[in-house]
Amino acid sequence: MTGGSAREDIGGDRFEARARDRLLSPEMQAILTRLAEEDAALGDPTLMKPRDGRAQAEAVNARWNRNMPALCAASDFAIEGPDGNAVACRLMTPSGDAHGLIVFVHGGGWAFCSMATHEHAARRLAIAANAHVLTFNYRLAPEHPYPAGLDDCAAVWNAVLEGHGPLAGLGRPRALSGDSAGANLALALMLRQIDEGAVLPDAGLLFYGAYDDDFASRSYVDSAEGPGLTRAKMMRYWDFYTPDTSVRKSPFVSPLKADDAALMRLPPLYLNAAAIDPLRSDTANLARRLSALGRQDIYRLYPGVVHGFMQMNPVLAEARTAAEEAADAFLEVAGKMKTT
């Protein structure tokens, strides 16, 4: 992957958002106005019992998962998790000549959502890359705090490497991908694979991830009250996932705490961030560190949009563009593998 951002920011910081980037686009404002009307009677899911918050998350995300893009095939199966638990999986194949695999880890604050809430977005990525996409349901916090979700991700990745049953013959490249907390899990898994000397993916496609517990970062301050995701909600999500706050020192929980040597060993990455998002600086800081190491990863900052914007791909052009850019990054890796 080549790149970095072509943006030039005030003060020479090409990674962070400018004030004008944090103005809602007309399209984003219209969507938020609609959501405010549709969700006026709903409470904050992070203040509910987990099962109630999850039910609400499933219900509100249903609006993004209607009129699904057509696939060539989709199959459901389960693999055995690390604690004898069953991990439900769905493999999506966009065409008869699909090649390579993207393992997509859904977001939801480590506590909410599922492969169903993110299916439309996953299908769009599969079609854009003409690659198989594998989604799955990992165990959720607070009932299953760190490292349960990460361990389930590792079990799925190991099943991919073993390549049996429906996971046989999918080809390469193989990428790990995810959004928000799912991006955290995908990047944390890569870092754990590095630490264990295990097999890495050929690429990482990471969307507006949570990579650190620094609640005083620039974006946690300027986007503390949203719209959408807020600092208070993110702090509760972190408490769900890591009630033992001492584990947040680990790069397998807070990937920005990884040392430079580990970051240098990561595969090529595509990173994106939403300008109006408490998590924006997590990605900006990661991209800045990777660039300082001389890496050539792709970083895209999307102005005028909020956290979770790729879920809105049925109605938001930036979401579709982001999926296409991530797919292009995947295909660039595929092209290089063919020539080596």
Protein backbone atom coordinates (compact mmCIF):
# COMPACT_ATOMS: atom_id res chain seq x y z
CA MET A 1 0.00 0.00 0.00
CA THR A 2 1.16 3.47 -0.74
CA GLY A 3 -0.10 6.72 0.55
CA GLY A 4 -0.73 8.65 3.66
CA SER A 5 -3.07 11.58 3.46
CA ALA A 6 -2.69 14.33 0.90
CA ARG A 7 -4.24 16.83 3.32
CA GLU A 8 -2.30 19.79 4.68
CA ASP A 9 -3.51 20.90 8.09
CA ILE A 10 -2.97 24.04 10.10
CA GLY A 11 0.31 23.72 11.95
CA GLY A 12 1.57 21.10 9.51
CA ASP A 13 -0.34 18.25 11.18
CA ARG A 14 -1.75 16.38 8.23
CA PHE A 15 -3.26 13.72 10.45
CA GLU A 16 -5.68 15.70 12.60
CA ALA A 17 -8.95 17.40 11.67
CA ARG A 18 -9.26 21.10 11.04
CA ALA A 19 -12.19 23.08 12.36
CA ARG A 20 -13.92 23.03 9.00
CA ASP A 21 -13.55 19.25 8.81
CA ARG A 22 -15.67 19.04 11.95
CA LEU A 23 -18.66 20.80 10.40
CA LEU A 24 -21.41 18.34 9.57
CA SER A 25 -21.91 17.83 5.85
CA PRO A 26 -25.45 18.55 4.63
CA GLU A 27 -25.99 14.84 3.98
CA MET A 28 -24.76 13.88 7.44
CA GLN A 29 -26.91 16.56 9.06
CA ALA A 30 -29.98 15.27 7.22
CA ILE A 31 -29.30 11.73 8.39
CA LEU A 32 -28.81 12.84 12.00
CA THR A 33 -32.05 14.82 11.88
CA ARG A 34 -33.85 11.72 10.66
CA LEU A 35 -32.26 9.56 13.37
CA ALA A 36 -33.18 12.06 16.07
CA GLU A 37 -36.82 11.76 15.00
CA GLU A 38 -36.79 7.97 14.70
CA ASP A 39 -34.95 7.41 17.98
CA ALA A 40 -36.52 10.16 20.08
CA ALA A 41 -38.05 7.68 22.54
CA LEU A 42 -34.93 5.55 22.95
CA GLY A 43 -32.54 5.60 25.88
CA ASP A 44 -28.78 5.32 26.11
CA PRO A 45 -27.96 1.62 25.58
CA THR A 46 -24.81 1.89 27.72
CA LEU A 47 -27.05 2.69 30.71
CA MET A 48 -29.34 -0.30 30.16
CA LYS A 49 -29.04 -3.92 31.16
CA PRO A 50 -26.76 -5.54 28.58
CA ARG A 51 -29.51 -7.65 27.01
CA ASP A 52 -31.74 -4.59 26.64
CA GLY A 53 -28.95 -2.48 25.18
CA ARG A 54 -28.17 -5.25 22.70
CA ALA A 55 -31.79 -5.58 21.66
CA GLN A 56 -31.92 -1.86 21.01
CA ALA A 57 -28.66 -1.93 19.04
CA GLU A 58 -29.99 -4.73 16.85
CA ALA A 59 -33.25 -2.85 16.28
CA VAL A 60 -31.76 0.52 15.36
CA ASN A 61 -29.16 -1.03 13.05
CA ALA A 62 -31.87 -2.89 11.13
CA ARG A 63 -32.49 0.30 9.12
CA TRP A 64 -29.02 -0.02 7.60
CA ASN A 65 -29.53 -3.68 6.66
CA ARG A 66 -32.50 -3.60 4.32
CA ASN A 67 -32.29 -4.22 0.57
CA MET A 68 -29.06 -6.17 0.89
CA PRO A 69 -26.61 -6.13 -2.01
CA ALA A 70 -26.85 -9.44 -3.86
CA LEU A 71 -24.22 -12.12 -3.31
CA CYS A 72 -23.28 -15.22 -5.25
CA ALA A 73 -23.45 -17.28 -2.05
CA ALA A 74 -23.57 -17.04 1.73
CA SER A 75 -23.10 -19.83 4.22
CA ASP A 76 -23.53 -20.02 7.98
CA PHE A 77 -21.49 -22.33 10.19
CA ALA A 78 -19.78 -22.38 13.57
CA ILE A 79 -16.29 -23.00 14.82
CA GLU A 80 -15.27 -24.08 18.29
CA GLY A 81 -14.10 -21.21 20.45
CA PRO A 82 -11.22 -21.28 22.93
CA ASP A 83 -13.44 -22.13 25.90
CA GLY A 84 -15.63 -24.70 24.18
CA ASN A 85 -18.00 -21.98 23.07
CA ALA A 86 -19.48 -21.98 19.58
CA VAL A 87 -18.55 -18.98 17.42
CA ALA A 88 -21.23 -18.39 14.78
CA CYS A 89 -19.77 -17.40 11.40
CA ARG A 90 -21.08 -16.24 8.04
CA LEU A 91 -19.04 -16.48 4.85
CA MET A 92 -20.14 -14.17 2.04
CA THR A 93 -19.05 -14.73 -1.55
CA PRO A 94 -19.81 -11.91 -4.00
CA SER A 95 -19.16 -13.73 -7.28
CA GLY A 96 -18.04 -16.97 -8.82
CA ASP A 97 -14.51 -15.63 -9.32
CA ALA A 98 -14.07 -14.06 -5.88
CA HIS A 99 -10.54 -14.42 -4.57
CA GLY A 100 -8.96 -13.75 -1.22
CA LEU A 101 -10.57 -13.31 2.18
CA ILE A 102 -11.41 -10.37 4.46
CA VAL A 103 -12.15 -11.35 8.06
CA PHE A 104 -14.41 -8.57 9.33
CA VAL A 105 -14.82 -7.95 13.08
CA HIS A 106 -17.96 -5.96 13.89
CA GLY A 107 -17.93 -2.98 16.23
CA GLY A 108 -20.30 -2.07 19.04
CA GLY A 109 -18.17 -1.08 22.00
CA TRP A 110 -17.14 -4.69 22.66
CA ALA A 111 -20.63 -5.06 24.16
CA PHE A 112 -23.23 -4.67 21.40
CA CYS A 113 -23.98 -5.54 17.77
CA SER A 114 -23.38 -8.67 15.73
CA MET A 115 -22.63 -9.90 12.26
CA ALA A 116 -26.30 -9.14 11.46
CA THR A 117 -25.99 -5.43 12.37
CA HIS A 118 -23.02 -5.06 10.03
CA GLU A 119 -24.04 -7.33 7.17
CA HIS A 120 -24.88 -4.64 4.61
CA ALA A 121 -21.51 -2.95 5.16
CA ALA A 122 -19.71 -6.31 4.99
CA ARG A 123 -21.49 -7.24 1.77
CA ARG A 124 -20.55 -3.92 0.19
CA LEU A 125 -16.90 -4.51 1.10
CA ALA A 126 -17.05 -8.02 -0.36
CA ILE A 127 -18.50 -6.76 -3.63
CA ALA A 128 -16.07 -3.84 -3.91
CA ALA A 129 -13.05 -6.11 -3.36
CA ASN A 130 -14.54 -9.15 -5.15
CA ALA A 131 -13.32 -11.11 -2.15
CA HIS A 132 -14.89 -13.48 0.32
CA VAL A 133 -15.83 -11.77 3.59
CA LEU A 134 -16.12 -13.69 6.85
CA THR A 135 -18.07 -12.20 9.75
CA PHE A 136 -18.73 -13.75 13.13
CA ASN A 137 -20.22 -13.23 16.58
CA TYR A 138 -17.59 -13.03 19.31
CA ARG A 139 -18.43 -13.05 23.01
CA LEU A 140 -19.48 -9.66 24.32
CA ALA A 141 -18.71 -7.65 27.43
CA PRO A 142 -19.53 -7.02 30.22
CA GLU A 143 -20.41 -10.69 30.75
CA HIS A 144 -17.29 -11.64 28.81
CA PRO A 145 -14.59 -8.98 29.37
CA TYR A 146 -11.10 -8.97 27.88
CA PRO A 147 -9.67 -11.29 26.65
CA ALA A 148 -12.78 -13.32 25.69
CA GLY A 149 -13.64 -11.37 22.53
CA LEU A 150 -10.03 -11.26 21.39
CA ASP A 151 -9.64 -14.98 22.05
CA ASP A 152 -12.66 -15.67 19.85
CA CYS A 153 -11.12 -13.55 17.10
CA ALA A 154 -7.95 -15.59 17.39
CA ALA A 155 -9.94 -18.82 17.13
CA VAL A 156 -11.57 -17.61 13.93
CA TRP A 157 -8.22 -16.52 12.50
CA ASN A 158 -6.69 -19.92 13.32
CA ALA A 159 -9.62 -21.62 11.59
CA VAL A 160 -8.94 -19.47 8.53
CA LEU A 161 -5.30 -20.53 8.53
CA GLU A 162 -6.25 -24.19 8.88
CA GLY A 163 -8.57 -23.78 5.90
CA HIS A 164 -10.97 -26.64 6.46
CA GLY A 165 -14.59 -27.01 5.36
CA PRO A 166 -16.16 -23.76 4.12
CA LEU A 167 -12.86 -21.95 4.74
CA ALA A 168 -10.92 -24.11 2.27
CA GLY A 169 -9.58 -22.76 -0.99
CA LEU A 170 -10.43 -19.09 -0.48
CA GLY A 171 -7.05 -17.89 -1.69
CA ARG A 172 -5.02 -14.84 -0.75
CA PRO A 173 -4.57 -12.12 0.22
CA ARG A 174 -6.08 -12.57 3.66
CA ALA A 175 -6.95 -9.40 5.55
CA LEU A 176 -8.14 -8.62 9.05
CA SER A 177 -10.68 -5.81 9.15
CA GLY A 178 -13.08 -4.19 11.58
CA ASP A 179 -14.82 -1.02 12.63
CA SER A 180 -14.64 0.78 15.99
CA ALA A 181 -14.21 -1.86 18.72
CA GLY A 182 -13.88 -4.39 15.91
CA ALA A 183 -10.90 -2.44 14.54
CA ASN A 184 -9.42 -2.56 18.04
CA LEU A 185 -9.80 -6.34 18.11
CA ALA A 186 -8.40 -6.77 14.61
CA LEU A 187 -5.31 -4.66 15.34
CA ALA A 188 -4.86 -6.21 18.79
CA LEU A 189 -4.94 -9.66 17.20
CA MET A 190 -2.24 -8.66 14.72
CA LEU A 191 -0.07 -7.41 17.57
CA ARG A 192 -0.65 -10.61 19.53
CA GLN A 193 0.27 -12.67 16.49
CA ILE A 194 3.49 -10.67 16.23
CA ASP A 195 4.24 -11.24 19.91
CA GLU A 196 3.66 -15.00 19.54
CA GLY A 197 5.57 -15.31 16.27
CA ALA A 198 2.39 -16.51 14.56
CA VAL A 199 1.03 -15.97 11.07
CA LEU A 200 -0.10 -12.44 10.20
CA PRO A 201 -2.67 -11.35 7.63
CA ASP A 202 -1.45 -9.88 4.38
CA ALA A 203 -3.23 -6.58 5.11
CA GLY A 204 -5.30 -4.75 7.70
CA LEU A 205 -8.39 -2.67 6.86
CA LEU A 206 -9.28 -0.68 9.97
CA PHE A 207 -12.17 1.75 10.27
CA TYR A 208 -12.39 4.47 12.98
CA GLY A 209 -10.95 2.22 15.68
CA ALA A 210 -10.55 2.53 19.45
CA TYR A 211 -6.81 2.20 20.00
CA ASP A 212 -6.15 3.89 23.34
CA ASP A 213 -7.85 4.85 26.62
CA ASP A 214 -6.67 8.48 26.49
CA PHE A 215 -9.94 10.28 27.21
CA ALA A 216 -8.16 13.66 27.10
CA SER A 217 -7.07 13.36 23.47
CA ARG A 218 -7.89 16.13 21.05
CA SER A 219 -10.94 14.36 19.62
CA TYR A 220 -12.21 13.14 23.00
CA VAL A 221 -12.32 16.84 23.91
CA ASP A 222 -13.69 18.42 20.72
CA SER A 223 -16.22 15.63 20.09
CA ALA A 224 -16.98 14.81 23.71
CA GLU A 225 -20.72 15.33 23.24
CA GLY A 226 -21.01 13.69 19.83
CA PRO A 227 -23.23 13.82 17.90
CA GLY A 228 -23.68 10.08 18.14
CA LEU A 229 -20.85 8.51 20.07
CA THR A 230 -19.77 10.51 23.14
CA ARG A 231 -16.82 10.41 25.50
CA ALA A 232 -19.06 9.24 28.35
CA LYS A 233 -20.34 6.31 26.29
CA MET A 234 -16.82 5.33 25.28
CA MET A 235 -15.68 5.41 28.90
CA ARG A 236 -18.51 3.04 29.79
CA TYR A 237 -17.61 0.77 26.87
CA TRP A 238 -14.03 0.60 28.12
CA ASP A 239 -15.31 -0.22 31.61
CA PHE A 240 -17.44 -3.02 30.17
CA TYR A 241 -14.51 -4.52 28.28
CA THR A 242 -11.76 -3.90 30.83
CA PRO A 243 -13.19 -3.68 34.35
CA ASP A 244 -9.65 -4.47 35.46
CA THR A 245 -8.16 -1.20 34.26
CA SER A 246 -4.60 -2.45 34.71
CA VAL A 247 -4.90 -4.50 31.49
CA ARG A 248 -5.30 -1.30 29.49
CA LYS A 249 -1.51 -0.98 29.61
CA SER A 250 -1.28 -3.94 27.24
CA PRO A 251 -1.01 -3.32 23.49
CA PHE A 252 -3.47 -6.19 23.06
CA VAL A 253 -6.05 -3.91 24.70
CA SER A 254 -4.71 -0.47 23.75
CA PRO A 255 -2.80 -0.97 20.48
CA LEU A 256 -1.29 2.52 20.60
CA LYS A 257 0.76 1.31 23.56
CA ALA A 258 2.62 -1.11 21.27
CA ASP A 259 6.32 -0.42 20.84
CA ASP A 260 7.80 0.72 17.56
CA ALA A 261 9.30 -2.67 16.80
CA ALA A 262 5.87 -4.29 16.90
CA LEU A 263 4.30 -1.55 14.79
CA MET A 264 7.01 -1.97 12.18
CA ARG A 265 6.10 -5.66 11.78
CA LEU A 266 2.44 -5.00 11.04
CA PRO A 267 1.22 -5.79 7.52
CA PRO A 268 0.22 -2.91 5.22
CA LEU A 269 -2.71 -1.02 6.71
CA TYR A 270 -5.63 1.00 5.42
CA LEU A 271 -6.85 3.32 8.19
CA ASN A 272 -9.76 5.70 8.16
CA ALA A 273 -11.30 8.11 10.66
CA ALA A 274 -14.41 10.26 10.93
CA ALA A 275 -13.69 13.92 11.64
CA ILE A 276 -16.56 14.24 14.14
CA ASP A 277 -15.76 11.33 16.42
CA PRO A 278 -14.26 10.97 19.91
CA LEU A 279 -12.08 8.19 18.45
CA ARG A 280 -10.65 10.30 15.60
CA SER A 281 -7.37 11.05 17.38
CA ASP A 282 -6.80 7.35 18.06
CA THR A 283 -6.46 6.75 14.33
CA ALA A 284 -4.63 10.04 13.72
CA ASN A 285 -2.09 9.20 16.42
CA LEU A 286 -1.62 5.70 15.06
CA ALA A 287 -1.15 6.99 11.52
CA ARG A 288 1.33 9.60 12.77
CA ARG A 289 3.42 6.97 14.56
CA LEU A 290 3.42 4.63 11.57
CA SER A 291 4.46 7.47 9.26
CA ALA A 292 7.29 8.50 11.62
CA LEU A 293 8.59 4.93 11.33
CA GLY A 294 8.83 5.35 7.57
CA ARG A 295 5.91 3.07 6.77
CA GLN A 296 3.68 3.77 3.76
CA ASP A 297 0.24 2.95 5.13
CA ILE A 298 -2.95 4.55 3.80
CA TYR A 299 -4.75 6.99 6.10
CA ARG A 300 -7.98 8.73 5.18
CA LEU A 301 -9.77 11.32 7.29
CA TYR A 302 -13.40 11.82 6.26
CA PRO A 303 -14.63 15.37 6.96
CA GLY A 304 -18.20 16.15 7.94
CA VAL A 305 -19.17 12.68 9.16
CA VAL A 306 -19.60 11.00 12.53
CA HIS A 307 -18.50 7.76 14.14
CA GLY A 308 -20.03 4.69 12.53
CA PHE A 309 -20.60 6.40 9.19
CA MET A 310 -19.77 3.27 7.17
CA GLN A 311 -22.88 1.62 8.60
CA MET A 312 -24.86 4.27 6.71
CA ASN A 313 -23.69 3.15 3.28
CA PRO A 314 -27.23 2.77 1.88
CA VAL A 315 -27.75 6.54 2.25
CA LEU A 316 -24.30 8.17 2.65
CA ALA A 317 -21.86 8.58 -0.24
CA GLU A 318 -18.82 8.85 2.04
CA ALA A 319 -19.59 5.41 3.44
CA ARG A 320 -19.60 3.87 -0.01
CA THR A 321 -16.40 5.69 -0.93
CA ALA A 322 -14.69 4.41 2.22
CA ALA A 323 -15.64 0.83 1.38
CA GLU A 324 -14.31 1.27 -2.14
CA GLU A 325 -11.03 2.75 -0.87
CA ALA A 326 -10.57 -0.11 1.57
CA ALA A 327 -11.28 -2.56 -1.24
CA ASP A 328 -8.73 -0.78 -3.45
CA ALA A 329 -6.13 -1.16 -0.71
CA PHE A 330 -6.90 -4.88 -0.50
CA LEU A 331 -6.66 -5.23 -4.27
CA GLU A 332 -3.35 -3.36 -4.31
CA VAL A 333 -1.93 -5.96 -1.93
CA ALA A 334 -3.38 -8.71 -4.13
CA GLY A 335 -1.69 -7.21 -7.20
CA LYS A 336 1.68 -7.05 -5.48
CA MET A 337 1.38 -10.66 -4.33
CA LYS A 338 0.82 -11.75 -7.93
CA THR A 339 4.08 -10.13 -9.02
CA THR A 340 6.28 -11.62 -6.27
